[in-house]
Amino acid sequence: MHPTQILSSEHRVIEIVLDALDRMAEKTLADGRLEKEPALEAIDFIRHFADGCHHAKEEGQLFPALFEKGFPREEGPVAVMLQEHELGRAFVRGMDQAVPEASEGNAAAVQECVAQARGYINLLRAHIQKEDNILFPMADRMLSGEDQRRLAEAFDRTETEEVGEGVHERYLKLAALLAERYGVPHESLDHIHGHGSTSCGHHIHD
């Protein structure tokens, strides 16, 4: 499996949680109160899996490999992806900060939490489409077979050396639990497993 295929597979997991988060936002507005525990679980998933595991592979291995092939650092597709990663982190911080008061039913906090969540959802959905349909095909054309092999090995090292066994499965299970709670189809998770070892690197960007 090409490294970009591994990343695309992780996109499918992230999209399931985005759908659950979207339904959580709808329910929050309808109820006038945020459900605190699943909101914190969604933030945990985003920070540890979507950002800490998935974006860490991109920023730590894929993007540097593309820079070596001549992709510009300050403009162009990779620069845009990096900017969107930072914007996503800002949305997540905003959502996290609003959770305590939103879970108490504070109307302003409810609106703020939902706005931050929807900002993140919209950003990530478009971001994933750009990576799957533009950046990753470009990467596959630019990277040689040897480049792909080295990149896959680097992904394995990130997963095995930074965390350890079981983390990837834990976040797949969390994705499934959030999907079940909010009625999101998630049968595809049954066919998604950890790459190499069953763990995922989780350097967290606050």
Protein backbone atom coordinates (compact mmCIF):
# COMPACT_ATOMS: atom_id res chain seq x y z
CA MET A 1 0.00 0.00 0.00
CA HIS A 2 1.38 3.40 -0.99
CA PRO A 3 1.86 5.90 1.84
CA THR A 4 -0.79 8.14 0.27
CA GLN A 5 -3.23 5.22 0.36
CA ILE A 6 -2.54 4.85 4.08
CA LEU A 7 -3.31 8.52 4.57
CA SER A 8 -6.48 8.28 2.45
CA SER A 9 -7.62 5.33 4.56
CA GLU A 10 -7.19 7.47 7.65
CA HIS A 11 -9.25 10.17 5.94
CA ARG A 12 -12.19 7.79 5.84
CA VAL A 13 -12.02 7.37 9.62
CA ILE A 14 -11.76 11.12 10.14
CA GLU A 15 -14.78 11.73 7.89
CA ILE A 16 -16.92 9.44 10.05
CA VAL A 17 -16.06 11.48 13.13
CA LEU A 18 -16.71 14.72 11.22
CA ASP A 19 -20.20 13.41 10.41
CA ALA A 20 -20.74 12.53 14.08
CA LEU A 21 -19.51 15.96 15.14
CA ASP A 22 -21.89 17.58 12.65
CA ARG A 23 -24.85 15.73 14.15
CA MET A 24 -23.60 16.59 17.64
CA ALA A 25 -23.66 20.27 16.63
CA GLU A 26 -27.24 19.95 15.35
CA LYS A 27 -28.34 18.28 18.58
CA THR A 28 -26.57 20.91 20.66
CA LEU A 29 -28.50 23.70 18.96
CA ALA A 30 -31.78 21.80 19.31
CA ASP A 31 -31.20 21.03 23.00
CA GLY A 32 -29.60 24.33 23.93
CA ARG A 33 -26.89 22.39 25.73
CA LEU A 34 -23.77 20.47 24.67
CA GLU A 35 -23.27 16.85 25.65
CA LYS A 36 -19.92 17.21 27.38
CA GLU A 37 -18.52 13.68 27.34
CA PRO A 38 -18.93 12.94 23.60
CA ALA A 39 -17.70 16.45 22.79
CA LEU A 40 -14.50 15.83 24.73
CA GLU A 41 -14.19 12.41 23.07
CA ALA A 42 -14.45 14.05 19.65
CA ILE A 43 -11.77 16.58 20.60
CA ASP A 44 -9.59 13.76 21.91
CA PHE A 45 -9.97 11.92 18.60
CA ILE A 46 -9.14 15.03 16.59
CA ARG A 47 -6.06 15.88 18.63
CA HIS A 48 -4.65 12.38 18.88
CA PHE A 49 -5.73 10.69 15.64
CA ALA A 50 -6.58 13.36 13.05
CA ASP A 51 -3.82 15.74 14.08
CA GLY A 52 -1.40 13.77 16.21
CA CYS A 53 -1.26 10.63 14.06
CA HIS A 54 -2.44 11.61 10.60
CA HIS A 55 -1.12 15.15 10.27
CA ALA A 56 2.10 14.11 12.00
CA LYS A 57 2.77 11.66 9.17
CA GLU A 58 2.11 14.36 6.61
CA GLU A 59 4.14 17.07 8.30
CA GLY A 60 6.92 14.80 9.50
CA GLN A 61 7.41 12.56 6.47
CA LEU A 62 5.28 13.19 3.36
CA PHE A 63 5.65 16.95 3.08
CA PRO A 64 9.44 16.95 3.64
CA ALA A 65 9.73 14.26 0.94
CA LEU A 66 7.80 16.52 -1.43
CA PHE A 67 9.98 19.50 -0.56
CA GLU A 68 12.98 17.41 -1.57
CA LYS A 69 11.30 16.86 -4.95
CA GLY A 70 11.01 20.59 -5.50
CA PHE A 71 7.61 21.50 -4.04
CA PRO A 72 7.77 25.11 -2.79
CA ARG A 73 7.62 25.66 0.96
CA GLU A 74 6.03 29.11 1.01
CA GLU A 75 3.32 28.68 -1.62
CA GLY A 76 1.55 25.98 -3.58
CA PRO A 77 -0.38 22.90 -2.44
CA VAL A 78 1.81 21.80 0.48
CA ALA A 79 1.96 25.30 1.91
CA VAL A 80 -1.84 25.50 1.73
CA MET A 81 -2.20 22.15 3.53
CA LEU A 82 0.11 23.33 6.32
CA GLN A 83 -1.85 26.55 6.71
CA GLU A 84 -5.08 24.57 6.93
CA HIS A 85 -3.60 22.27 9.58
CA GLU A 86 -2.91 25.34 11.72
CA LEU A 87 -6.38 26.75 11.09
CA GLY A 88 -7.89 23.43 12.11
CA ARG A 89 -5.97 23.48 15.38
CA ALA A 90 -7.34 26.95 16.08
CA PHE A 91 -10.92 25.74 15.53
CA VAL A 92 -10.34 22.82 17.90
CA ARG A 93 -8.91 25.12 20.58
CA GLY A 94 -11.95 27.36 20.22
CA MET A 95 -14.32 24.42 20.52
CA ASP A 96 -12.47 23.04 23.56
CA GLN A 97 -12.57 26.41 25.32
CA ALA A 98 -16.34 26.65 24.84
CA VAL A 99 -17.13 23.13 26.10
CA PRO A 100 -17.43 23.82 29.86
CA GLU A 101 -19.98 26.62 29.58
CA ALA A 102 -21.75 25.11 26.57
CA SER A 103 -22.31 21.91 28.54
CA GLU A 104 -23.94 24.04 31.25
CA GLY A 105 -26.36 25.50 28.73
CA ASN A 106 -24.80 28.95 28.35
CA ALA A 107 -26.39 30.22 25.14
CA ALA A 108 -23.40 32.22 23.92
CA ALA A 109 -21.05 29.32 24.62
CA VAL A 110 -23.38 26.92 22.79
CA GLN A 111 -23.32 29.15 19.72
CA GLU A 112 -19.54 29.56 19.92
CA CYS A 113 -18.90 25.84 20.34
CA VAL A 114 -21.13 24.98 17.39
CA ALA A 115 -19.53 27.69 15.24
CA GLN A 116 -16.03 26.40 16.00
CA ALA A 117 -17.08 22.79 15.40
CA ARG A 118 -18.70 23.62 12.06
CA GLY A 119 -15.72 25.70 11.04
CA TYR A 120 -13.52 22.68 11.66
CA ILE A 121 -15.89 20.29 9.89
CA ASN A 122 -16.12 22.44 6.76
CA LEU A 123 -12.38 23.04 6.70
CA LEU A 124 -11.46 19.37 7.10
CA ARG A 125 -13.96 18.10 4.55
CA ALA A 126 -12.56 20.44 1.91
CA HIS A 127 -9.00 19.76 3.06
CA ILE A 128 -9.45 16.00 2.67
CA GLN A 129 -10.88 16.42 -0.81
CA LYS A 130 -7.90 18.53 -1.88
CA GLU A 131 -5.43 16.00 -0.52
CA ASP A 132 -7.18 12.94 -1.96
CA ASN A 133 -7.85 14.45 -5.39
CA ILE A 134 -4.96 16.84 -5.95
CA LEU A 135 -1.99 16.55 -3.60
CA PHE A 136 -1.78 12.79 -3.20
CA PRO A 137 -1.96 12.03 -6.95
CA MET A 138 0.76 14.65 -7.46
CA ALA A 139 2.86 13.01 -4.76
CA ASP A 140 2.47 9.56 -6.31
CA ARG A 141 3.65 10.91 -9.65
CA MET A 142 6.67 12.62 -8.09
CA LEU A 143 7.83 9.90 -5.68
CA SER A 144 9.76 6.93 -7.04
CA GLY A 145 9.22 3.37 -5.87
CA GLU A 146 12.20 3.71 -3.57
CA ASP A 147 10.84 6.99 -2.22
CA GLN A 148 7.53 5.27 -1.51
CA ARG A 149 9.28 2.41 0.28
CA ARG A 150 11.29 4.75 2.49
CA LEU A 151 8.21 6.81 3.27
CA ALA A 152 6.21 3.74 4.27
CA GLU A 153 9.04 2.67 6.57
CA ALA A 154 9.09 6.15 8.10
CA PHE A 155 5.34 5.87 8.75
CA ASP A 156 5.98 2.57 10.53
CA ARG A 157 8.70 4.11 12.68
CA THR A 158 6.45 7.00 13.62
CA GLU A 159 3.80 4.57 14.78
CA THR A 160 5.96 2.03 16.57
CA GLU A 161 8.49 4.35 18.20
CA GLU A 162 6.36 7.29 19.30
CA VAL A 163 3.51 5.48 21.02
CA GLY A 164 3.29 1.72 21.08
CA GLU A 165 0.75 -0.97 20.50
CA GLY A 166 -3.00 -0.49 20.57
CA VAL A 167 -3.43 3.24 20.02
CA HIS A 168 -4.72 3.00 16.44
CA GLU A 169 -7.36 0.45 17.49
CA ARG A 170 -8.41 2.61 20.42
CA TYR A 171 -9.21 5.54 18.16
CA LEU A 172 -10.96 3.36 15.60
CA LYS A 173 -13.17 2.15 18.45
CA LEU A 174 -13.76 5.71 19.61
CA ALA A 175 -14.74 6.70 16.07
CA ALA A 176 -17.22 3.81 16.01
CA LEU A 177 -18.69 4.79 19.40
CA LEU A 178 -19.20 8.39 18.31
CA ALA A 179 -20.75 7.22 15.05
CA GLU A 180 -23.14 4.89 16.87
CA ARG A 181 -24.14 7.59 19.34
CA TYR A 182 -25.12 10.00 16.57
CA GLY A 183 -26.48 7.54 14.02
CA VAL A 184 -23.62 7.81 11.52
CA PRO A 185 -22.97 4.79 9.25
CA HIS A 186 -19.56 3.35 10.07
CA GLU A 187 -19.44 -0.14 8.57
CA SER A 188 -16.29 0.85 6.66
CA LEU A 189 -14.37 0.92 9.95
CA ASP A 190 -14.54 -2.87 10.02
CA HIS A 191 -12.17 -2.93 7.04
CA ILE A 192 -9.70 -0.32 8.31
CA HIS A 193 -6.78 -1.44 10.43
CA GLY A 194 -3.54 0.01 11.64
CA HIS A 195 -0.69 0.29 9.15
CA GLY A 196 2.28 -1.93 9.96
CA SER A 197 1.99 -2.13 13.72
CA THR A 198 -1.35 -1.40 15.30
CA SER A 199 -0.38 1.96 16.72
CA CYS A 200 -0.38 5.53 15.64
CA GLY A 201 2.09 8.24 16.48
CA HIS A 202 0.40 10.96 18.50
CA HIS A 203 2.52 14.02 18.82
CA ILE A 204 -0.10 16.52 19.85
CA HIS A 205 -0.26 20.09 18.55
CA ASP A 206 -2.02 22.38 21.04
